[in-house]
Amino acid sequence: MGILNLNDVPPPLNVGDTENAAPDTEKVPAASVDSGTPPSSMFDTSALTDETKTSPVTPPAEPPTPIEVDEAKTLELKPKIVDQLVTVFDPEIPVNIYELGLIYDIEVDASGLAVIQMTLTAPGCPAAITLPAEVQGKVKSIDGVSDARVDLVWEPPWDKDRMTDAAKLQLGMFD
């Protein structure tokens, strides 16, 4: 059994294979492989070998647009929002995200736009896409909320001290 070397490029399909090729497939001449130029690959391996061409997958995040908070609307809708947030669970921890302390702030403007500031337990959290989307969907479903925006923040970083006593007790982490 051989070891996969990521610098090895697989040969093009059907190179020099005239005996086993299907009758209606086009043959790639074997001479093109030996011509001194590297064979073209069916896979793009440039990201694995050429570090000068790499670019970030996502552009740097722009700071979220601040809203003009309506205190009365926030007071009215915050309990309803929290009721929805306690139904969202971290897939790796059997505790809802509100009790885990992942929700940092809840604000609502006069038009009903709810802005939820939340974090994750770690920057590499596998639920980085699904949790904010679930939060946004559940908050948008509340009567009185016209739209919802989830701002994912990393400062201050999450730690276990942000959990409620109930969450710590449930996880056996009560100090």
N, C-alpha and C. Protein backbone atom coordinates (compact mmCIF):
# COMPACT_ATOMS: atom_id res chain seq x y z
N MET A 1 0.85 -1.17 0.00
CA MET A 1 0.00 0.00 0.00
C MET A 1 0.89 1.23 0.00
N GLY A 2 0.69 2.14 -0.94
CA GLY A 2 1.53 3.31 -1.06
C GLY A 2 1.07 4.45 -0.16
N ILE A 3 1.94 5.41 0.00
CA ILE A 3 1.64 6.60 0.79
C ILE A 3 1.29 7.72 -0.16
N LEU A 4 0.23 8.45 0.14
CA LEU A 4 -0.19 9.55 -0.71
C LEU A 4 0.75 10.72 -0.53
N ASN A 5 1.32 11.19 -1.60
CA ASN A 5 2.18 12.36 -1.58
C ASN A 5 1.42 13.46 -2.29
N LEU A 6 1.12 14.55 -1.58
CA LEU A 6 0.33 15.62 -2.15
C LEU A 6 1.05 16.37 -3.27
N ASN A 7 2.36 16.18 -3.41
CA ASN A 7 3.08 16.81 -4.50
C ASN A 7 2.98 16.01 -5.79
N ASP A 8 2.58 14.74 -5.69
CA ASP A 8 2.40 13.93 -6.88
C ASP A 8 1.09 14.32 -7.54
N VAL A 9 1.14 14.49 -8.82
CA VAL A 9 -0.06 14.84 -9.59
C VAL A 9 -0.50 13.60 -10.33
N PRO A 10 -1.76 13.21 -10.19
CA PRO A 10 -2.20 12.00 -10.91
C PRO A 10 -2.17 12.23 -12.41
N PRO A 11 -1.90 11.18 -13.16
CA PRO A 11 -1.87 11.34 -14.63
C PRO A 11 -3.27 11.61 -15.15
N PRO A 12 -3.36 12.26 -16.29
CA PRO A 12 -4.68 12.47 -16.89
C PRO A 12 -5.34 11.13 -17.19
N LEU A 13 -6.64 11.11 -17.25
CA LEU A 13 -7.36 9.88 -17.53
C LEU A 13 -7.00 9.35 -18.91
N ASN A 14 -6.91 8.06 -19.04
CA ASN A 14 -6.69 7.34 -20.31
C ASN A 14 -5.32 7.58 -20.93
N VAL A 15 -4.32 8.01 -20.18
CA VAL A 15 -3.00 8.23 -20.76
C VAL A 15 -2.37 6.89 -21.10
N GLY A 16 -2.07 6.70 -22.36
CA GLY A 16 -1.38 5.49 -22.80
C GLY A 16 -2.16 4.22 -22.57
N ASP A 17 -3.41 4.30 -22.18
CA ASP A 17 -4.20 3.12 -21.89
C ASP A 17 -5.08 2.82 -23.09
N THR A 18 -4.48 2.23 -24.08
CA THR A 18 -5.23 1.97 -25.31
C THR A 18 -5.96 0.64 -25.23
N GLU A 19 -5.50 -0.29 -24.40
CA GLU A 19 -6.12 -1.60 -24.33
C GLU A 19 -7.43 -1.58 -23.54
N ASN A 20 -7.45 -0.87 -22.38
CA ASN A 20 -8.59 -0.95 -21.49
C ASN A 20 -9.57 0.21 -21.63
N ALA A 21 -9.33 1.10 -22.55
CA ALA A 21 -10.20 2.27 -22.68
C ALA A 21 -11.51 1.88 -23.34
N ALA A 22 -12.54 2.57 -22.98
CA ALA A 22 -13.84 2.34 -23.61
C ALA A 22 -13.74 2.78 -25.06
N PRO A 23 -14.50 2.16 -25.94
CA PRO A 23 -14.36 2.46 -27.36
C PRO A 23 -14.69 3.91 -27.72
N ASP A 24 -15.59 4.56 -27.02
CA ASP A 24 -15.98 5.90 -27.42
C ASP A 24 -15.30 7.00 -26.61
N THR A 25 -14.22 6.68 -25.87
CA THR A 25 -13.52 7.73 -25.12
C THR A 25 -12.32 8.18 -25.91
N GLU A 26 -11.99 9.44 -25.75
CA GLU A 26 -10.86 10.01 -26.47
C GLU A 26 -9.58 9.66 -25.74
N LYS A 27 -8.58 9.25 -26.46
CA LYS A 27 -7.30 8.88 -25.87
C LYS A 27 -6.41 10.12 -25.79
N VAL A 28 -5.71 10.25 -24.66
CA VAL A 28 -4.74 11.33 -24.51
C VAL A 28 -3.41 10.73 -24.89
N PRO A 29 -2.70 11.32 -25.83
CA PRO A 29 -1.43 10.71 -26.27
C PRO A 29 -0.43 10.67 -25.13
N ALA A 30 0.24 9.53 -24.99
CA ALA A 30 1.22 9.35 -23.93
C ALA A 30 2.39 10.30 -24.10
N ALA A 31 2.68 10.76 -25.33
CA ALA A 31 3.81 11.65 -25.58
C ALA A 31 3.64 12.97 -24.86
N SER A 32 2.41 13.40 -24.64
CA SER A 32 2.22 14.70 -23.98
C SER A 32 2.69 14.66 -22.54
N VAL A 33 2.72 13.49 -21.94
CA VAL A 33 3.18 13.38 -20.56
C VAL A 33 4.69 13.47 -20.50
N ASP A 34 5.36 12.93 -21.50
CA ASP A 34 6.82 12.89 -21.49
C ASP A 34 7.44 14.08 -22.19
N SER A 35 6.70 15.12 -22.49
CA SER A 35 7.22 16.22 -23.28
C SER A 35 8.04 17.22 -22.47
N GLY A 36 8.25 16.95 -21.19
CA GLY A 36 9.05 17.86 -20.38
C GLY A 36 8.19 18.85 -19.61
N THR A 37 6.94 19.02 -19.99
CA THR A 37 6.06 19.89 -19.23
C THR A 37 5.28 19.04 -18.25
N PRO A 38 5.02 19.58 -17.08
CA PRO A 38 4.30 18.76 -16.11
C PRO A 38 2.89 18.47 -16.60
N PRO A 39 2.40 17.28 -16.30
CA PRO A 39 1.07 16.93 -16.77
C PRO A 39 0.01 17.78 -16.07
N SER A 40 -1.04 18.07 -16.80
CA SER A 40 -2.13 18.81 -16.17
C SER A 40 -2.89 17.85 -15.27
N SER A 41 -3.38 18.38 -14.20
CA SER A 41 -4.08 17.55 -13.24
C SER A 41 -5.57 17.80 -13.32
N MET A 42 -6.34 16.80 -12.98
CA MET A 42 -7.77 17.01 -12.91
C MET A 42 -8.14 17.69 -11.60
N PHE A 43 -7.18 17.87 -10.70
CA PHE A 43 -7.40 18.53 -9.42
C PHE A 43 -6.57 19.80 -9.34
N ASP A 44 -7.13 20.83 -8.74
CA ASP A 44 -6.37 22.06 -8.54
C ASP A 44 -5.61 21.93 -7.22
N THR A 45 -4.30 21.74 -7.33
CA THR A 45 -3.48 21.58 -6.14
C THR A 45 -2.64 22.81 -5.84
N SER A 46 -2.96 23.92 -6.50
CA SER A 46 -2.14 25.12 -6.34
C SER A 46 -2.15 25.64 -4.90
N ALA A 47 -3.25 25.47 -4.21
CA ALA A 47 -3.32 25.94 -2.83
C ALA A 47 -2.44 25.11 -1.92
N LEU A 48 -2.13 23.90 -2.32
CA LEU A 48 -1.30 23.03 -1.49
C LEU A 48 0.19 23.30 -1.70
N THR A 49 0.56 23.82 -2.87
CA THR A 49 1.98 23.92 -3.19
C THR A 49 2.49 25.34 -3.34
N ASP A 50 1.65 26.29 -3.73
CA ASP A 50 2.11 27.64 -3.99
C ASP A 50 1.53 28.60 -2.97
N GLU A 51 2.33 28.96 -1.97
CA GLU A 51 1.85 29.80 -0.88
C GLU A 51 1.71 31.27 -1.29
N THR A 52 2.34 31.67 -2.39
CA THR A 52 2.27 33.08 -2.79
C THR A 52 0.92 33.44 -3.39
N LYS A 53 0.17 32.46 -3.86
CA LYS A 53 -1.10 32.73 -4.50
C LYS A 53 -2.28 32.60 -3.55
N THR A 54 -2.02 32.24 -2.31
CA THR A 54 -3.12 32.04 -1.39
C THR A 54 -3.72 33.37 -0.97
N SER A 55 -5.02 33.38 -0.82
CA SER A 55 -5.72 34.56 -0.34
C SER A 55 -6.76 34.11 0.66
N PRO A 56 -7.18 35.00 1.54
CA PRO A 56 -8.16 34.58 2.53
C PRO A 56 -9.45 34.13 1.85
N VAL A 57 -10.08 33.13 2.44
CA VAL A 57 -11.31 32.59 1.90
C VAL A 57 -12.43 33.62 1.99
N THR A 58 -12.48 34.33 3.11
CA THR A 58 -13.49 35.35 3.29
C THR A 58 -12.80 36.69 3.49
N PRO A 59 -13.38 37.75 3.00
CA PRO A 59 -12.78 39.06 3.22
C PRO A 59 -12.84 39.42 4.70
N PRO A 60 -11.96 40.33 5.14
CA PRO A 60 -12.00 40.72 6.54
C PRO A 60 -13.38 41.27 6.89
N ALA A 61 -13.83 40.91 8.07
CA ALA A 61 -15.17 41.32 8.49
C ALA A 61 -15.23 42.82 8.75
N GLU A 62 -16.28 43.43 8.24
CA GLU A 62 -16.49 44.84 8.51
C GLU A 62 -17.25 44.96 9.82
N PRO A 63 -17.01 46.02 10.57
CA PRO A 63 -17.76 46.15 11.82
C PRO A 63 -19.25 46.28 11.52
N PRO A 64 -20.08 45.66 12.37
CA PRO A 64 -21.52 45.73 12.12
C PRO A 64 -22.05 47.15 12.24
N THR A 65 -23.06 47.44 11.47
CA THR A 65 -23.68 48.76 11.50
C THR A 65 -24.44 48.93 12.81
N PRO A 66 -24.11 49.95 13.58
CA PRO A 66 -24.84 50.13 14.84
C PRO A 66 -26.28 50.55 14.58
N ILE A 67 -27.15 50.23 15.53
CA ILE A 67 -28.55 50.62 15.39
C ILE A 67 -28.88 51.64 16.47
N GLU A 68 -29.95 52.36 16.24
CA GLU A 68 -30.44 53.29 17.25
C GLU A 68 -31.41 52.50 18.13
N VAL A 69 -30.97 52.14 19.31
CA VAL A 69 -31.72 51.26 20.20
C VAL A 69 -32.95 51.98 20.73
N ASP A 70 -34.08 51.30 20.65
CA ASP A 70 -35.33 51.78 21.24
C ASP A 70 -35.52 51.02 22.55
N GLU A 71 -35.32 51.73 23.66
CA GLU A 71 -35.38 51.08 24.98
C GLU A 71 -36.73 50.43 25.25
N ALA A 72 -37.82 51.10 24.89
CA ALA A 72 -39.16 50.56 25.14
C ALA A 72 -39.39 49.29 24.32
N LYS A 73 -38.99 49.32 23.06
CA LYS A 73 -39.17 48.16 22.18
C LYS A 73 -38.28 47.00 22.65
N THR A 74 -37.07 47.33 23.09
CA THR A 74 -36.16 46.30 23.61
C THR A 74 -36.76 45.66 24.85
N LEU A 75 -37.29 46.49 25.76
CA LEU A 75 -37.91 45.96 26.99
C LEU A 75 -39.11 45.08 26.68
N GLU A 76 -39.87 45.46 25.66
CA GLU A 76 -41.05 44.69 25.27
C GLU A 76 -40.68 43.35 24.65
N LEU A 77 -39.68 43.34 23.75
CA LEU A 77 -39.38 42.14 22.98
C LEU A 77 -38.30 41.24 23.58
N LYS A 78 -37.47 41.76 24.46
CA LYS A 78 -36.36 40.97 24.99
C LYS A 78 -36.83 39.67 25.66
N PRO A 79 -37.89 39.68 26.50
CA PRO A 79 -38.33 38.41 27.09
C PRO A 79 -38.78 37.39 26.04
N LYS A 80 -39.43 37.85 24.98
CA LYS A 80 -39.86 36.95 23.91
C LYS A 80 -38.65 36.40 23.16
N ILE A 81 -37.65 37.24 22.96
CA ILE A 81 -36.43 36.80 22.29
C ILE A 81 -35.71 35.75 23.13
N VAL A 82 -35.60 36.01 24.42
CA VAL A 82 -34.94 35.05 25.31
C VAL A 82 -35.70 33.72 25.30
N ASP A 83 -37.04 33.77 25.28
CA ASP A 83 -37.83 32.54 25.22
C ASP A 83 -37.49 31.72 23.98
N GLN A 84 -37.18 32.38 22.89
CA GLN A 84 -36.78 31.66 21.68
C GLN A 84 -35.34 31.16 21.78
N LEU A 85 -34.46 31.95 22.38
CA LEU A 85 -33.05 31.58 22.46
C LEU A 85 -32.83 30.35 23.34
N VAL A 86 -33.67 30.15 24.34
CA VAL A 86 -33.49 28.97 25.20
C VAL A 86 -33.91 27.69 24.50
N THR A 87 -34.44 27.81 23.28
CA THR A 87 -34.77 26.60 22.50
C THR A 87 -33.65 26.23 21.54
N VAL A 88 -32.58 27.02 21.51
CA VAL A 88 -31.43 26.75 20.63
C VAL A 88 -30.34 26.11 21.47
N PHE A 89 -29.92 24.92 21.06
CA PHE A 89 -28.91 24.18 21.82
C PHE A 89 -27.63 24.05 21.04
N ASP A 90 -26.51 24.14 21.75
CA ASP A 90 -25.22 23.85 21.16
C ASP A 90 -25.22 22.35 20.84
N PRO A 91 -24.86 21.95 19.62
CA PRO A 91 -24.94 20.52 19.27
C PRO A 91 -23.98 19.63 20.06
N GLU A 92 -22.94 20.21 20.64
CA GLU A 92 -21.96 19.40 21.37
C GLU A 92 -22.17 19.43 22.88
N ILE A 93 -22.99 20.37 23.36
CA ILE A 93 -23.21 20.54 24.79
C ILE A 93 -24.71 20.54 25.02
N PRO A 94 -25.22 19.70 25.91
CA PRO A 94 -26.67 19.60 26.09
C PRO A 94 -27.27 20.74 26.92
N VAL A 95 -26.89 21.97 26.61
CA VAL A 95 -27.39 23.15 27.31
C VAL A 95 -27.71 24.19 26.26
N ASN A 96 -28.77 24.97 26.49
CA ASN A 96 -29.13 25.99 25.50
C ASN A 96 -28.10 27.12 25.49
N ILE A 97 -28.05 27.84 24.39
CA ILE A 97 -27.00 28.84 24.20
C ILE A 97 -27.16 30.04 25.14
N TYR A 98 -28.37 30.30 25.59
CA TYR A 98 -28.57 31.42 26.51
C TYR A 98 -27.98 31.08 27.88
N GLU A 99 -28.26 29.87 28.37
CA GLU A 99 -27.71 29.43 29.66
C GLU A 99 -26.19 29.24 29.59
N LEU A 100 -25.68 28.90 28.40
CA LEU A 100 -24.23 28.75 28.23
C LEU A 100 -23.51 30.10 28.28
N GLY A 101 -24.26 31.19 28.13
CA GLY A 101 -23.64 32.51 28.15
C GLY A 101 -23.10 32.93 26.80
N LEU A 102 -23.62 32.33 25.73
CA LEU A 102 -23.15 32.70 24.39
C LEU A 102 -23.81 33.98 23.88
N ILE A 103 -24.90 34.40 24.51
CA ILE A 103 -25.58 35.62 24.10
C ILE A 103 -25.04 36.76 24.95
N TYR A 104 -24.43 37.74 24.29
CA TYR A 104 -23.84 38.88 25.00
C TYR A 104 -24.79 40.05 25.12
N ASP A 105 -25.62 40.29 24.09
CA ASP A 105 -26.49 41.46 24.14
C ASP A 105 -27.67 41.26 23.20
N ILE A 106 -28.79 41.87 23.57
CA ILE A 106 -29.99 41.86 22.75
C ILE A 106 -30.49 43.30 22.69
N GLU A 107 -30.62 43.84 21.49
CA GLU A 107 -31.11 45.21 21.30
C GLU A 107 -32.13 45.22 20.18
N VAL A 108 -33.11 46.11 20.29
CA VAL A 108 -34.13 46.25 19.26
C VAL A 108 -34.29 47.73 18.94
N ASP A 109 -34.42 48.04 17.64
CA ASP A 109 -34.65 49.44 17.27
C ASP A 109 -36.16 49.68 17.09
N ALA A 110 -36.52 50.91 16.80
CA ALA A 110 -37.92 51.31 16.71
C ALA A 110 -38.67 50.57 15.60
N SER A 111 -37.98 50.17 14.54
CA SER A 111 -38.65 49.47 13.44
C SER A 111 -38.84 47.98 13.72
N GLY A 112 -38.27 47.48 14.82
CA GLY A 112 -38.41 46.06 15.16
C GLY A 112 -37.23 45.21 14.75
N LEU A 113 -36.13 45.84 14.31
CA LEU A 113 -34.92 45.09 13.98
C LEU A 113 -34.25 44.66 15.29
N ALA A 114 -34.13 43.35 15.48
CA ALA A 114 -33.47 42.81 16.67
C ALA A 114 -32.04 42.47 16.31
N VAL A 115 -31.11 42.96 17.12
CA VAL A 115 -29.69 42.66 16.92
C VAL A 115 -29.22 41.85 18.12
N ILE A 116 -28.73 40.66 17.83
CA ILE A 116 -28.24 39.75 18.86
C ILE A 116 -26.73 39.68 18.73
N GLN A 117 -26.04 40.02 19.80
CA GLN A 117 -24.58 39.83 19.83
C GLN A 117 -24.33 38.51 20.53
N MET A 118 -23.65 37.63 19.83
CA MET A 118 -23.36 36.33 20.42
C MET A 118 -21.95 35.90 20.07
N THR A 119 -21.47 34.93 20.80
CA THR A 119 -20.17 34.35 20.54
C THR A 119 -20.34 32.85 20.45
N LEU A 120 -19.24 32.15 20.29
CA LEU A 120 -19.23 30.69 20.29
C LEU A 120 -18.24 30.25 21.35
N THR A 121 -18.31 28.99 21.74
CA THR A 121 -17.41 28.51 22.78
C THR A 121 -15.95 28.54 22.34
N ALA A 122 -15.72 28.47 21.03
CA ALA A 122 -14.35 28.55 20.49
C ALA A 122 -14.43 29.06 19.05
N PRO A 123 -13.41 29.78 18.59
CA PRO A 123 -13.44 30.29 17.21
C PRO A 123 -13.57 29.19 16.16
N GLY A 124 -13.06 28.02 16.41
CA GLY A 124 -13.15 26.92 15.44
C GLY A 124 -14.37 26.04 15.65
N CYS A 125 -15.36 26.53 16.34
CA CYS A 125 -16.56 25.75 16.65
C CYS A 125 -17.22 25.24 15.37
N PRO A 126 -17.51 23.94 15.30
CA PRO A 126 -18.14 23.41 14.09
C PRO A 126 -19.54 23.97 13.83
N ALA A 127 -20.16 24.55 14.84
CA ALA A 127 -21.51 25.10 14.68
C ALA A 127 -21.48 26.58 14.31
N ALA A 128 -20.34 27.08 13.84
CA ALA A 128 -20.17 28.50 13.55
C ALA A 128 -21.15 29.02 12.50
N ILE A 129 -21.64 28.19 11.65
CA ILE A 129 -22.59 28.61 10.63
C ILE A 129 -24.02 28.33 11.06
N THR A 130 -24.23 27.16 11.64
CA THR A 130 -25.59 26.76 11.95
C THR A 130 -26.20 27.49 13.14
N LEU A 131 -25.44 27.72 14.20
CA LEU A 131 -26.02 28.38 15.38
C LEU A 131 -26.48 29.80 15.10
N PRO A 132 -25.65 30.67 14.53
CA PRO A 132 -26.14 32.03 14.24
C PRO A 132 -27.34 32.03 13.30
N ALA A 133 -27.36 31.14 12.33
CA ALA A 133 -28.50 31.07 11.40
C ALA A 133 -29.76 30.63 12.13
N GLU A 134 -29.63 29.67 13.03
CA GLU A 134 -30.78 29.21 13.80
C GLU A 134 -31.30 30.32 14.71
N VAL A 135 -30.38 31.04 15.36
CA VAL A 135 -30.77 32.17 16.21
C VAL A 135 -31.52 33.20 15.39
N GLN A 136 -30.99 33.56 14.24
CA GLN A 136 -31.63 34.56 13.39
C GLN A 136 -33.03 34.12 12.99
N GLY A 137 -33.18 32.88 12.57
CA GLY A 137 -34.48 32.38 12.15
C GLY A 137 -35.50 32.38 13.27
N LYS A 138 -35.08 31.96 14.45
CA LYS A 138 -36.02 31.91 15.58
C LYS A 138 -36.42 33.30 16.04
N VAL A 139 -35.48 34.24 16.05
CA VAL A 139 -35.79 35.60 16.48
C VAL A 139 -36.69 36.28 15.45
N LYS A 140 -36.46 36.04 14.18
CA LYS A 140 -37.31 36.63 13.13
C LYS A 140 -38.75 36.16 13.21
N SER A 141 -38.98 35.00 13.79
CA SER A 141 -40.33 34.45 13.85
C SER A 141 -41.19 35.07 14.95
N ILE A 142 -40.63 35.94 15.76
CA ILE A 142 -41.35 36.53 16.89
C ILE A 142 -42.22 37.69 16.40
N ASP A 143 -43.47 37.71 16.87
CA ASP A 143 -44.35 38.84 16.56
C ASP A 143 -43.75 40.12 17.13
N GLY A 144 -43.68 41.14 16.30
CA GLY A 144 -43.10 42.42 16.72
C GLY A 144 -41.67 42.61 16.23
N VAL A 145 -41.03 41.53 15.82
CA VAL A 145 -39.67 41.61 15.27
C VAL A 145 -39.80 41.64 13.75
N SER A 146 -39.36 42.75 13.14
CA SER A 146 -39.45 42.87 11.69
C SER A 146 -38.31 42.15 10.98
N ASP A 147 -37.15 42.11 11.62
CA ASP A 147 -35.98 41.45 11.06
C ASP A 147 -35.02 41.16 12.20
N ALA A 148 -34.07 40.28 11.96
CA ALA A 148 -33.09 39.93 12.99
C ALA A 148 -31.71 39.90 12.37
N ARG A 149 -30.75 40.33 13.15
CA ARG A 149 -29.35 40.30 12.72
C ARG A 149 -28.54 39.71 13.87
N VAL A 150 -27.67 38.79 13.54
CA VAL A 150 -26.81 38.18 14.55
C VAL A 150 -25.39 38.66 14.27
N ASP A 151 -24.81 39.34 15.25
CA ASP A 151 -23.42 39.78 15.16
C ASP A 151 -22.57 38.80 15.97
N LEU A 152 -21.72 38.06 15.29
CA LEU A 152 -20.82 37.12 15.95
C LEU A 152 -19.60 37.89 16.44
N VAL A 153 -19.37 37.89 17.74
CA VAL A 153 -18.26 38.65 18.32
C VAL A 153 -17.32 37.70 19.06
N TRP A 154 -16.06 38.12 19.18
CA TRP A 154 -15.06 37.28 19.85
C TRP A 154 -14.48 37.97 21.08
N GLU A 155 -14.83 39.20 21.29
CA GLU A 155 -14.33 39.95 22.45
C GLU A 155 -15.51 40.36 23.30
N PRO A 156 -15.53 40.08 24.55
CA PRO A 156 -14.56 39.26 25.28
C PRO A 156 -14.74 37.78 24.93
N PRO A 157 -13.67 37.02 25.01
CA PRO A 157 -13.78 35.60 24.69
C PRO A 157 -14.68 34.89 25.69
N TRP A 158 -15.38 33.87 25.21
CA TRP A 158 -16.25 33.10 26.08
C TRP A 158 -15.41 32.24 27.01
N ASP A 159 -15.86 32.09 28.24
CA ASP A 159 -15.29 31.11 29.16
C ASP A 159 -16.41 30.57 30.04
N LYS A 160 -16.12 29.54 30.82
CA LYS A 160 -17.17 28.86 31.58
C LYS A 160 -17.80 29.76 32.64
N ASP A 161 -17.16 30.84 33.01
CA ASP A 161 -17.74 31.76 33.99
C ASP A 161 -18.96 32.49 33.45
N ARG A 162 -19.17 32.47 32.16
CA ARG A 162 -20.32 33.12 31.54
C ARG A 162 -21.58 32.26 31.66
N MET A 163 -21.42 30.98 31.99
CA MET A 163 -22.57 30.08 32.11
C MET A 163 -23.37 30.42 33.37
N THR A 164 -24.66 30.17 33.30
CA THR A 164 -25.50 30.35 34.48
C THR A 164 -25.22 29.22 35.45
N ASP A 165 -25.63 29.41 36.70
CA ASP A 165 -25.44 28.35 37.70
C ASP A 165 -26.19 27.08 37.29
N ALA A 166 -27.36 27.24 36.69
CA ALA A 166 -28.14 26.08 36.23
C ALA A 166 -27.36 25.29 35.19
N ALA A 167 -26.70 25.97 34.26
CA ALA A 167 -25.92 25.29 33.23
C ALA A 167 -24.72 24.58 33.85
N LYS A 168 -24.05 25.26 34.77
CA LYS A 168 -22.90 24.63 35.43
C LYS A 168 -23.33 23.38 36.20
N LEU A 169 -24.47 23.47 36.87
CA LEU A 169 -24.98 22.33 37.63
C LEU A 169 -25.33 21.18 36.68
N GLN A 170 -25.97 21.50 35.58
CA GLN A 170 -26.37 20.49 34.60
C GLN A 170 -25.15 19.78 34.00
N LEU A 171 -24.06 20.52 33.83
CA LEU A 171 -22.85 19.94 33.24
C LEU A 171 -21.88 19.40 34.28
N GLY A 172 -22.24 19.51 35.56
CA GLY A 172 -21.36 19.03 36.62
C GLY A 172 -20.12 19.88 36.79
N MET A 173 -20.23 21.17 36.49
CA MET A 173 -19.08 22.07 36.58
C MET A 173 -19.25 23.08 37.68
N PHE A 174 -20.15 22.83 38.59
CA PHE A 174 -20.42 23.81 39.64
C PHE A 174 -19.27 23.86 40.63
N ASP A 175 -18.67 25.02 40.75
CA ASP A 175 -17.50 25.19 41.65
C ASP A 175 -17.95 25.49 43.05
